Every structure is written in C-alpha cells, then in structure tokens.
Amino acid sequence: MIYSGGTVKLSDDAAAIIAEMEKHADPANLEGQRRYGIETSRSFGLTSVKIKELAKLSGRNHALANELRSTGYREAMHLASLIADPGKLTDDEIDSWVRQFNSWDVCDSTCLKLFRKSPLAISKIEEWMDSEEEFIKRAGFALLAACAVHLKRENDEFFIRLLEKITEHAADERNMIKKSVNWALRQTGKRNSALNAKAIETCRLIQKMYPGIRGAQWIASDALRELTGDAVQSRLTKKSLK
C-alpha cells in the first residue's frame, strides 16, 4: 500500500500508483489473461481484487482517473473506470477514453462501471456503433448491453430502435464485434416481455437476412437459445405479473 501520515491511503500521483502496481506485478497471471484474448503488452498481471482494493483506498477522484487512463496501462485504465466521476465526464473526455481501448476487458468494464452512469451514455451508443474502429464500435454495443440492464426508466421505443441497429451490424464478422452485438441483443431481449418478443423477432430477421454469414448466424442462434429458454421466459413472466 501507499502510506501517508501513518494512514493507508492511495496517492494522488498517477506515477506513484503505477510504481505501486509494478511492485505487485504478477507475470504468472499474464499467460492466463492472454488465453482469454486480453491485451497484455502494457499490463502488470494484477488481479481484479487488487484493483478494487486500490479503488476503495482512493474513492472518487476524477482528475486522478484521467491521469491514470492516459498512461495506457491496462490496470490503470481499470482503476480509472472505478474512481472517475460519471457526472463529470465531458464529451471530449468520454471520446478520448474510448479511443484508448485496445482490449475487450477494459472496453466492457468501463462501459459497465462508468460510461452507463454518465448522462452522455444514451447519445454515445449509436455514434459508437457506427464507427469502423473495432473497439469504438464494440463500446457502442457493450454500452447498449449495460444500459439495457441498468437504465430502468428508458422507454421500450429507444431499445426497439437500437434492435434495428443490431440487425444492421450483425454481418460484421470481426470477433470483437460479433460478440458484443450478441451481448447487446441478449440483454435487450431480457429487459421485459415486450422487448423479448422484439429481440426474438430480430434474431429471426438476422437469420433470414444473412444466410451465408457465419458470424450473423451465430449471433442470432446463440441469442435465440437464451431468449426463448425456460430460465428467461420464466423470469419475464414473473416480472410481468408483479
């Protein structure tokens, strides 16, 4: 830990935190991370438990978050997403963050833990979906998946319109994209019974539109399996009866 005046406290200096991370580096973890497709060229091999521990010691610190994520270290970007203030994110900042993504774990975690809490989230989903840049586009679908779960007050029409975007982009066979498209489709379809029916309809439409595209067929069939399954249908039925 970093100590200040006898009390355990996280330094406000990004360079000192990077040095602390380096002290706890665990190269043995890097091989396992690489097997999951995580980019480890600027990574210390820290566990998520360690990163959460550092975040707890820091508390909310938006300025420090921006300094940390600008270092490009994987763990620093994870830590930054936990201590940044979503209400303070500016349009330039959120775009700068997303342009730095080079690993799916940082992309998805930041969308789940930070971006979806920002007032800018809704405006960024479609903008990022339409990007040709792989990780920016993935962020658009990851953000939709996060918002489908957590934005309880958003109306169904918003998500129905985005199901059309899912159909439009389902033929992108890049691995990072098809997995995020599938994730967004499944999460949207688990939101409520009405959206479940629309998402199932979207799956069947994708199957018809892209018969020769393996990625699109996988997106649709995998989502259909979950969305029509007993677990999801039972939960949605119970939810509708409340």
Protein backbone atom coordinates (compact mmCIF):
# COMPACT_ATOMS: atom_id res chain seq x y z
CA MET A 1 0.00 0.00 0.00
CA ILE A 2 0.93 3.65 -0.17
CA TYR A 3 1.12 5.26 3.23
CA SER A 4 0.54 8.88 4.20
CA GLY A 5 0.91 10.09 7.78
CA GLY A 6 0.55 6.59 9.18
CA THR A 7 -2.76 6.02 7.40
CA VAL A 8 -3.21 3.69 4.44
CA LYS A 9 -4.13 5.95 1.54
CA LEU A 10 -3.83 5.85 -2.21
CA SER A 11 -1.52 8.52 -3.58
CA ASP A 12 -2.98 11.26 -5.78
CA ASP A 13 0.07 10.91 -8.03
CA ALA A 14 -0.52 8.63 -11.03
CA ALA A 15 3.19 7.83 -11.37
CA ALA A 16 3.32 6.65 -7.74
CA ILE A 17 0.31 4.41 -8.31
CA ILE A 18 1.88 2.89 -11.42
CA ALA A 19 5.01 2.23 -9.36
CA GLU A 20 2.84 0.57 -6.70
CA MET A 21 1.19 -1.60 -9.34
CA GLU A 22 4.61 -2.59 -10.68
CA LYS A 23 5.64 -3.73 -7.19
CA HIS A 24 2.69 -6.12 -7.13
CA ALA A 25 3.14 -7.32 -10.71
CA ASP A 26 2.40 -11.00 -11.22
CA PRO A 27 3.70 -12.20 -14.62
CA ALA A 28 2.17 -15.63 -13.97
CA ASN A 29 -1.28 -14.10 -14.45
CA LEU A 30 -0.44 -12.67 -17.86
CA GLU A 31 -0.49 -16.00 -19.69
CA GLY A 32 -3.95 -16.77 -18.36
CA GLN A 33 -5.16 -13.33 -19.40
CA ARG A 34 -3.75 -13.79 -22.90
CA ARG A 35 -5.66 -17.06 -23.24
CA TYR A 36 -8.86 -15.06 -22.80
CA GLY A 37 -7.87 -12.66 -25.56
CA ILE A 38 -6.84 -9.86 -23.20
CA GLU A 39 -4.17 -7.46 -24.46
CA THR A 40 -1.25 -7.68 -22.00
CA SER A 41 1.53 -5.67 -23.65
CA ARG A 42 1.06 -2.93 -21.02
CA SER A 43 -0.17 -4.99 -18.10
CA PHE A 44 1.20 -5.98 -14.71
CA GLY A 45 -0.90 -9.09 -14.25
CA LEU A 46 -2.74 -7.68 -11.24
CA THR A 47 -5.94 -9.37 -10.14
CA SER A 48 -9.32 -7.62 -10.17
CA VAL A 49 -9.34 -7.96 -6.38
CA LYS A 50 -6.17 -5.85 -6.15
CA ILE A 51 -7.58 -3.20 -8.48
CA LYS A 52 -10.79 -2.96 -6.43
CA GLU A 53 -8.68 -2.64 -3.29
CA LEU A 54 -6.85 0.32 -4.80
CA ALA A 55 -10.14 1.89 -5.89
CA LYS A 56 -11.53 1.61 -2.36
CA LEU A 57 -8.45 3.34 -0.97
CA SER A 58 -8.81 6.16 -3.48
CA GLY A 59 -12.52 6.90 -3.52
CA ARG A 60 -13.93 9.16 -6.24
CA ASN A 61 -11.13 11.16 -7.89
CA HIS A 62 -11.92 12.32 -11.40
CA ALA A 63 -8.66 14.16 -12.06
CA LEU A 64 -6.59 11.17 -10.97
CA ALA A 65 -8.74 8.87 -13.13
CA ASN A 66 -7.91 10.90 -16.22
CA GLU A 67 -4.21 10.81 -15.40
CA LEU A 68 -4.28 7.05 -14.84
CA ARG A 69 -6.11 6.13 -18.02
CA SER A 70 -3.79 8.35 -20.06
CA THR A 71 -0.85 6.13 -19.02
CA GLY A 72 -2.22 3.32 -21.19
CA TYR A 73 -1.55 0.63 -18.60
CA ARG A 74 -4.36 -1.92 -18.54
CA GLU A 75 -4.76 -1.99 -14.76
CA ALA A 76 -4.56 1.80 -14.58
CA MET A 77 -7.45 2.06 -17.02
CA HIS A 78 -9.48 -0.40 -14.97
CA LEU A 79 -8.76 1.59 -11.81
CA ALA A 80 -9.63 4.83 -13.59
CA SER A 81 -13.06 3.49 -14.55
CA LEU A 82 -13.77 2.76 -10.88
CA ILE A 83 -12.75 6.14 -9.45
CA ALA A 84 -13.85 8.54 -12.20
CA ASP A 85 -16.99 10.62 -11.60
CA PRO A 86 -19.52 9.76 -14.35
CA GLY A 87 -21.31 13.06 -13.77
CA LYS A 88 -18.13 14.98 -14.60
CA LEU A 89 -17.31 13.17 -17.84
CA THR A 90 -17.22 15.65 -20.71
CA ASP A 91 -17.90 14.77 -24.33
CA ASP A 92 -14.20 15.16 -25.17
CA GLU A 93 -13.15 13.02 -22.22
CA ILE A 94 -15.50 10.14 -22.96
CA ASP A 95 -14.38 10.10 -26.60
CA SER A 96 -10.76 10.20 -25.53
CA TRP A 97 -11.35 7.23 -23.20
CA VAL A 98 -12.98 5.13 -25.91
CA ARG A 99 -10.21 5.85 -28.43
CA GLN A 100 -7.70 4.36 -25.97
CA PHE A 101 -9.38 0.97 -25.75
CA ASN A 102 -7.27 -1.87 -27.10
CA SER A 103 -8.58 -4.80 -25.04
CA TRP A 104 -12.12 -6.12 -24.68
CA ASP A 105 -11.95 -6.35 -20.90
CA VAL A 106 -11.13 -2.67 -20.44
CA CYS A 107 -13.77 -1.70 -23.00
CA ASP A 108 -16.57 -3.74 -21.47
CA SER A 109 -15.70 -2.99 -17.85
CA THR A 110 -15.53 0.76 -18.47
CA CYS A 111 -18.90 0.71 -20.22
CA LEU A 112 -20.44 -1.24 -17.35
CA LYS A 113 -18.87 0.57 -14.42
CA LEU A 114 -18.52 4.13 -15.70
CA PHE A 115 -20.00 5.10 -19.06
CA ARG A 116 -23.52 3.76 -18.47
CA LYS A 117 -23.79 6.03 -15.41
CA SER A 118 -22.95 9.14 -17.45
CA PRO A 119 -25.66 11.49 -18.79
CA LEU A 120 -23.80 11.15 -22.11
CA ALA A 121 -24.37 7.39 -22.36
CA ILE A 122 -27.52 7.45 -24.47
CA SER A 123 -26.05 9.85 -27.03
CA LYS A 124 -22.90 7.76 -27.46
CA ILE A 125 -24.42 4.34 -28.17
CA GLU A 126 -25.42 4.92 -31.80
CA GLU A 127 -22.45 7.17 -32.52
CA TRP A 128 -20.01 4.46 -31.47
CA MET A 129 -21.99 1.63 -33.09
CA ASP A 130 -21.50 3.29 -36.48
CA SER A 131 -17.73 3.61 -36.09
CA GLU A 132 -15.45 1.45 -38.22
CA GLU A 133 -12.87 1.39 -35.41
CA GLU A 134 -13.13 -2.04 -33.78
CA PHE A 135 -13.04 -1.08 -30.11
CA ILE A 136 -15.12 2.06 -30.52
CA LYS A 137 -17.78 0.01 -32.26
CA ARG A 138 -17.57 -2.67 -29.59
CA ALA A 139 -18.02 0.04 -26.95
CA GLY A 140 -21.29 1.08 -28.59
CA PHE A 141 -22.75 -2.41 -28.27
CA ALA A 142 -21.25 -3.01 -24.82
CA LEU A 143 -22.79 0.26 -23.66
CA LEU A 144 -26.17 -0.81 -25.04
CA ALA A 145 -25.89 -4.11 -23.17
CA ALA A 146 -25.09 -2.24 -19.93
CA CYS A 147 -27.88 0.29 -20.41
CA ALA A 148 -30.42 -2.43 -21.19
CA VAL A 149 -29.82 -3.82 -17.71
CA HIS A 150 -29.36 -0.67 -15.67
CA LEU A 151 -31.37 2.17 -17.25
CA LYS A 152 -34.70 1.20 -15.76
CA ARG A 153 -36.60 4.33 -16.82
CA GLU A 154 -35.68 4.31 -20.52
CA ASN A 155 -38.70 3.50 -22.69
CA ASP A 156 -39.04 0.47 -24.94
CA GLU A 157 -39.07 2.57 -28.13
CA PHE A 158 -35.45 3.52 -27.55
CA PHE A 159 -34.38 -0.13 -27.40
CA ILE A 160 -36.61 -1.17 -30.32
CA ARG A 161 -34.85 1.41 -32.48
CA LEU A 162 -31.49 0.03 -31.41
CA LEU A 163 -32.56 -3.52 -32.29
CA GLU A 164 -32.69 -2.21 -35.85
CA LYS A 165 -29.06 -1.12 -35.49
CA ILE A 166 -28.19 -4.57 -34.20
CA THR A 167 -29.70 -6.07 -37.36
CA GLU A 168 -27.75 -3.60 -39.48
CA HIS A 169 -24.40 -4.51 -37.91
CA ALA A 170 -24.90 -8.25 -37.41
CA ALA A 171 -22.91 -9.05 -40.56
CA ASP A 172 -19.67 -7.61 -39.11
CA GLU A 173 -17.71 -10.82 -38.54
CA ARG A 174 -14.89 -9.36 -36.51
CA ASN A 175 -14.74 -11.41 -33.33
CA MET A 176 -14.76 -8.40 -31.01
CA ILE A 177 -17.82 -7.02 -32.76
CA LYS A 178 -19.98 -10.09 -33.18
CA LYS A 179 -19.63 -10.99 -29.51
CA SER A 180 -20.67 -7.50 -28.40
CA VAL A 181 -23.59 -7.45 -30.87
CA ASN A 182 -24.75 -10.77 -29.45
CA TRP A 183 -24.39 -9.46 -25.90
CA ALA A 184 -26.42 -6.34 -26.66
CA LEU A 185 -29.13 -8.40 -28.36
CA ARG A 186 -29.43 -10.82 -25.44
CA GLN A 187 -29.50 -8.12 -22.76
CA THR A 188 -32.11 -6.10 -24.65
CA GLY A 189 -34.27 -9.19 -25.00
CA LYS A 190 -34.11 -9.91 -21.28
CA ARG A 191 -35.31 -6.45 -20.27
CA ASN A 192 -39.06 -7.23 -20.38
CA SER A 193 -41.57 -9.41 -22.22
CA ALA A 194 -42.28 -6.88 -24.97
CA LEU A 195 -38.61 -6.41 -25.78
CA ASN A 196 -38.07 -10.16 -25.52
CA ALA A 197 -40.58 -10.67 -28.32
CA LYS A 198 -38.93 -7.92 -30.40
CA ALA A 199 -35.44 -9.35 -29.81
CA ILE A 200 -36.59 -12.84 -30.85
CA GLU A 201 -38.09 -11.29 -33.97
CA THR A 202 -34.74 -9.57 -34.58
CA CYS A 203 -32.91 -12.90 -34.27
CA ARG A 204 -35.13 -14.49 -36.90
CA LEU A 205 -34.72 -11.48 -39.17
CA ILE A 206 -30.91 -11.71 -38.92
CA GLN A 207 -31.07 -15.39 -39.85
CA LYS A 208 -33.07 -14.55 -42.98
CA MET A 209 -31.03 -11.50 -43.97
CA TYR A 210 -27.58 -13.08 -43.68
CA PRO A 211 -27.94 -16.78 -44.60
CA GLY A 212 -24.32 -17.22 -45.68
CA ILE A 213 -22.61 -15.23 -42.95
CA ARG A 214 -21.47 -17.48 -40.11
CA GLY A 215 -20.99 -14.68 -37.60
CA ALA A 216 -24.51 -13.36 -38.09
CA GLN A 217 -25.98 -16.85 -37.85
CA TRP A 218 -24.11 -17.42 -34.59
CA ILE A 219 -25.28 -14.07 -33.16
CA ALA A 220 -28.90 -14.96 -33.88
CA SER A 221 -28.90 -18.65 -32.92
CA ASP A 222 -26.99 -18.11 -29.67
CA ALA A 223 -29.30 -15.24 -28.64
CA LEU A 224 -32.40 -17.24 -29.61
CA ARG A 225 -31.31 -20.14 -27.44
CA GLU A 226 -31.13 -17.91 -24.36
CA LEU A 227 -34.09 -15.62 -25.10
CA THR A 228 -36.50 -18.49 -25.75
CA GLY A 229 -35.14 -20.64 -22.92
CA ASP A 230 -37.12 -21.57 -19.85
CA ALA A 231 -34.99 -19.50 -17.45
CA VAL A 232 -35.52 -16.21 -19.27
CA GLN A 233 -39.17 -16.87 -20.10
CA SER A 234 -39.97 -17.82 -16.51
CA ARG A 235 -38.26 -14.72 -15.11
CA LEU A 236 -40.05 -12.40 -17.56
CA THR A 237 -43.43 -13.98 -16.80
CA LYS A 238 -42.92 -13.48 -13.07
CA LYS A 239 -41.78 -9.90 -13.70
CA SER A 240 -44.88 -9.10 -15.78
CA LEU A 241 -47.17 -10.40 -13.03
CA LYS A 242 -45.77 -8.08 -10.38
